[in-house]
Amino acid sequence: MDEFTKSTQAFKAETRNDTSQLAFKQFIIDTTDQTDGTHFIAYQTIYKFPNNFGASVIHGLYSYGLELAVLQFSDDAYSITYNTPITSDVIGYLDEPELVNLLTDIQQLTKEAEA
C-alpha cells in the first residue's frame, strides 16, 4: 500500500466518524473523498431531508474543522443557502453534539422559515 493510500485511509477513519451520524444515516445521499490527486484533502457528506433542505458536512485539511453548510434542493440539484434562521454563513469548528443539533434544526425547517 502506497503512502497516499495509507494517509487517505487514516484521515478518512478519523473524519468519517464526525459525519456518519446514525440518527441521520437514512438522509445521506452522497459521500465524497476530495483529493488533489496525491493527497487526501477532505471527506464530505451530503444530507437531504424531506423538506428539501439539507447539509453539506465537511472535515478536511482546509475546512474550519468539522464544518456545515445549509443546502436547499431543487429536484436532485442543490446549492448552499444563506437565507435560513439557522445561519447566514457556513458554521465551522463544530463538535458532535452541535452537529446533531444543527442537522435536527435543518430537518425541521419549513419553506416559510426562510429569512
C-alpha atoms as a PDB file:
ATOM      1  CA  MET A   1       0.000   0.000   0.000  1.00  0.00           C
ATOM      2  CA  ASP A   2       1.475   3.357  -1.018  1.00  0.00           C
ATOM      3  CA  GLU A   3       1.766   6.367   1.304  1.00  0.00           C
ATOM      4  CA  PHE A   4      -1.132   8.204  -0.375  1.00  0.00           C
ATOM      5  CA  THR A   5      -3.478   5.282   0.252  1.00  0.00           C
ATOM      6  CA  LYS A   6      -2.279   4.934   3.856  1.00  0.00           C
ATOM      7  CA  SER A   7      -2.725   8.643   4.611  1.00  0.00           C
ATOM      8  CA  THR A   8      -6.135   8.674   2.916  1.00  0.00           C
ATOM      9  CA  GLN A   9      -7.377   5.708   4.930  1.00  0.00           C
ATOM     10  CA  ALA A  10      -6.083   7.182   8.194  1.00  0.00           C
ATOM     11  CA  PHE A  11      -7.668  10.578   7.600  1.00  0.00           C
ATOM     12  CA  LYS A  12     -10.971   9.054   6.458  1.00  0.00           C
ATOM     13  CA  ALA A  13     -11.116   6.844   9.537  1.00  0.00           C
ATOM     14  CA  GLU A  14     -10.731   9.938  11.708  1.00  0.00           C
ATOM     15  CA  THR A  15     -13.167  12.184   9.824  1.00  0.00           C
ATOM     16  CA  ARG A  16     -15.807   9.629   8.849  1.00  0.00           C
ATOM     17  CA  ASN A  17     -16.797   9.340  12.490  1.00  0.00           C
ATOM     18  CA  ASP A  18     -17.604  13.052  12.505  1.00  0.00           C
ATOM     19  CA  THR A  19     -20.152  12.874   9.711  1.00  0.00           C
ATOM     20  CA  SER A  20     -21.716   9.414   9.998  1.00  0.00           C
ATOM     21  CA  GLN A  21     -24.491  10.336  12.380  1.00  0.00           C
ATOM     22  CA  LEU A  22     -26.538   7.205  12.994  1.00  0.00           C
ATOM     23  CA  ALA A  23     -29.675   9.249  13.624  1.00  0.00           C
ATOM     24  CA  PHE A  24     -29.399  10.802  10.146  1.00  0.00           C
ATOM     25  CA  LYS A  25     -27.918   7.931   8.156  1.00  0.00           C
ATOM     26  CA  GLN A  26     -31.083   7.443   6.060  1.00  0.00           C
ATOM     27  CA  PHE A  27     -30.771  11.040   4.823  1.00  0.00           C
ATOM     28  CA  ILE A  28     -27.217  10.691   3.477  1.00  0.00           C
ATOM     29  CA  ILE A  29     -27.329  10.928  -0.313  1.00  0.00           C
ATOM     30  CA  ASP A  30     -23.621  11.229  -1.068  1.00  0.00           C
ATOM     31  CA  THR A  31     -20.195  10.869   0.472  1.00  0.00           C
ATOM     32  CA  THR A  32     -17.133  12.127  -1.296  1.00  0.00           C
ATOM     33  CA  ASP A  33     -13.413  11.878  -0.784  1.00  0.00           C
ATOM     34  CA  GLN A  34     -11.715  15.013  -2.027  1.00  0.00           C
ATOM     35  CA  THR A  35      -8.107  14.734  -3.139  1.00  0.00           C
ATOM     36  CA  ASP A  36      -5.632  16.737  -5.146  1.00  0.00           C
ATOM     37  CA  GLY A  37      -4.502  13.555  -6.888  1.00  0.00           C
ATOM     38  CA  THR A  38      -1.707  12.851  -4.468  1.00  0.00           C
ATOM     39  CA  HIS A  39      -3.042  13.847  -1.034  1.00  0.00           C
ATOM     40  CA  PHE A  40      -6.343  13.396   0.754  1.00  0.00           C
ATOM     41  CA  ILE A  41      -7.937  16.789   1.376  1.00  0.00           C
ATOM     42  CA  ALA A  42     -11.388  16.255   2.869  1.00  0.00           C
ATOM     43  CA  TYR A  43     -14.290  13.946   3.474  1.00  0.00           C
ATOM     44  CA  GLN A  44     -17.752  15.332   2.662  1.00  0.00           C
ATOM     45  CA  THR A  45     -21.220  14.043   3.451  1.00  0.00           C
ATOM     46  CA  ILE A  46     -24.373  15.447   1.839  1.00  0.00           C
ATOM     47  CA  TYR A  47     -27.685  15.107   3.689  1.00  0.00           C
ATOM     48  CA  LYS A  48     -31.102  15.670   2.106  1.00  0.00           C
ATOM     49  CA  PHE A  49     -34.237  15.869   4.233  1.00  0.00           C
ATOM     50  CA  PRO A  50     -37.853  15.501   3.031  1.00  0.00           C
ATOM     51  CA  ASN A  51     -38.342  19.284   3.418  1.00  0.00           C
ATOM     52  CA  ASN A  52     -35.859  19.842   0.531  1.00  0.00           C
ATOM     53  CA  PHE A  53     -33.267  21.294   2.866  1.00  0.00           C
ATOM     54  CA  GLY A  54     -30.078  19.504   3.727  1.00  0.00           C
ATOM     55  CA  ALA A  55     -26.486  19.947   4.758  1.00  0.00           C
ATOM     56  CA  SER A  56     -23.002  19.604   3.444  1.00  0.00           C
ATOM     57  CA  VAL A  57     -20.753  18.438   6.254  1.00  0.00           C
ATOM     58  CA  ILE A  58     -17.071  18.506   5.511  1.00  0.00           C
ATOM     59  CA  HIS A  59     -13.950  17.835   7.513  1.00  0.00           C
ATOM     60  CA  GLY A  60     -10.574  18.234   5.963  1.00  0.00           C
ATOM     61  CA  LEU A  61      -7.280  19.982   5.697  1.00  0.00           C
ATOM     62  CA  TYR A  62      -8.744  23.307   4.527  1.00  0.00           C
ATOM     63  CA  SER A  63     -12.111  23.299   6.305  1.00  0.00           C
ATOM     64  CA  TYR A  64     -12.921  25.042   9.557  1.00  0.00           C
ATOM     65  CA  GLY A  65     -12.647  21.770  11.442  1.00  0.00           C
ATOM     66  CA  LEU A  66     -15.952  19.948  11.201  1.00  0.00           C
ATOM     67  CA  GLU A  67     -17.918  22.386   9.026  1.00  0.00           C
ATOM     68  CA  LEU A  68     -21.579  22.567   7.963  1.00  0.00           C
ATOM     69  CA  ALA A  69     -23.337  24.477   5.201  1.00  0.00           C
ATOM     70  CA  VAL A  70     -27.129  24.522   4.845  1.00  0.00           C
ATOM     71  CA  LEU A  71     -28.325  23.303   1.437  1.00  0.00           C
ATOM     72  CA  GLN A  72     -31.553  23.844  -0.457  1.00  0.00           C
ATOM     73  CA  PHE A  73     -32.592  21.245  -3.024  1.00  0.00           C
ATOM     74  CA  SER A  74     -34.489  21.617  -6.258  1.00  0.00           C
ATOM     75  CA  ASP A  75     -35.076  18.150  -7.689  1.00  0.00           C
ATOM     76  CA  ASP A  76     -31.640  16.497  -7.487  1.00  0.00           C
ATOM     77  CA  ALA A  77     -29.683  19.746  -7.693  1.00  0.00           C
ATOM     78  CA  TYR A  78     -28.704  21.721  -4.618  1.00  0.00           C
ATOM     79  CA  SER A  79     -26.944  24.885  -3.595  1.00  0.00           C
ATOM     80  CA  ILE A  80     -25.821  26.476  -0.376  1.00  0.00           C
ATOM     81  CA  THR A  81     -28.477  28.740   1.069  1.00  0.00           C
ATOM     82  CA  TYR A  82     -27.692  31.647   3.336  1.00  0.00           C
ATOM     83  CA  ASN A  83     -31.365  32.530   3.915  1.00  0.00           C
ATOM     84  CA  THR A  84     -32.420  30.394   6.859  1.00  0.00           C
ATOM     85  CA  PRO A  85     -32.811  31.106  10.555  1.00  0.00           C
ATOM     86  CA  ILE A  86     -30.019  28.586  11.181  1.00  0.00           C
ATOM     87  CA  THR A  87     -27.167  30.599   9.694  1.00  0.00           C
ATOM     88  CA  SER A  88     -26.214  33.150   7.073  1.00  0.00           C
ATOM     89  CA  ASP A  89     -22.827  31.510   6.535  1.00  0.00           C
ATOM     90  CA  VAL A  90     -21.095  28.167   6.945  1.00  0.00           C
ATOM     91  CA  ILE A  91     -20.632  27.011  10.535  1.00  0.00           C
ATOM     92  CA  GLY A  92     -17.210  25.715  11.452  1.00  0.00           C
ATOM     93  CA  TYR A  93     -15.384  24.137  14.359  1.00  0.00           C
ATOM     94  CA  LEU A  94     -18.389  22.021  15.354  1.00  0.00           C
ATOM     95  CA  ASP A  95     -18.336  19.193  17.846  1.00  0.00           C
ATOM     96  CA  GLU A  96     -20.564  16.121  17.617  1.00  0.00           C
ATOM     97  CA  PRO A  97     -23.467  17.443  19.758  1.00  0.00           C
ATOM     98  CA  GLU A  98     -23.520  20.736  17.841  1.00  0.00           C
ATOM     99  CA  LEU A  99     -23.608  18.855  14.540  1.00  0.00           C
ATOM    100  CA  VAL A 100     -26.527  16.700  15.687  1.00  0.00           C
ATOM    101  CA  ASN A 101     -28.425  19.803  16.869  1.00  0.00           C
ATOM    102  CA  LEU A 102     -27.869  21.600  13.570  1.00  0.00           C
ATOM    103  CA  LEU A 103     -28.929  18.602  11.482  1.00  0.00           C
ATOM    104  CA  THR A 104     -32.082  18.359  13.620  1.00  0.00           C
ATOM    105  CA  ASP A 105     -32.787  22.078  13.081  1.00  0.00           C
ATOM    106  CA  ILE A 106     -32.316  21.731   9.315  1.00  0.00           C
ATOM    107  CA  GLN A 107     -34.576  18.684   9.216  1.00  0.00           C
ATOM    108  CA  GLN A 108     -37.309  20.758  10.884  1.00  0.00           C
ATOM    109  CA  LEU A 109     -37.045  23.788   8.581  1.00  0.00           C
ATOM    110  CA  THR A 110     -40.088  24.760   6.553  1.00  0.00           C
ATOM    111  CA  LYS A 111     -40.266  26.791   3.355  1.00  0.00           C
ATOM    112  CA  GLU A 112     -41.802  29.614   5.407  1.00  0.00           C
ATOM    113  CA  ALA A 113     -38.771  29.602   7.708  1.00  0.00           C
ATOM    114  CA  GLU A 114     -36.526  31.090   5.039  1.00  0.00           C
ATOM    115  CA  ALA A 115     -35.377  34.557   6.055  1.00  0.00           C
END
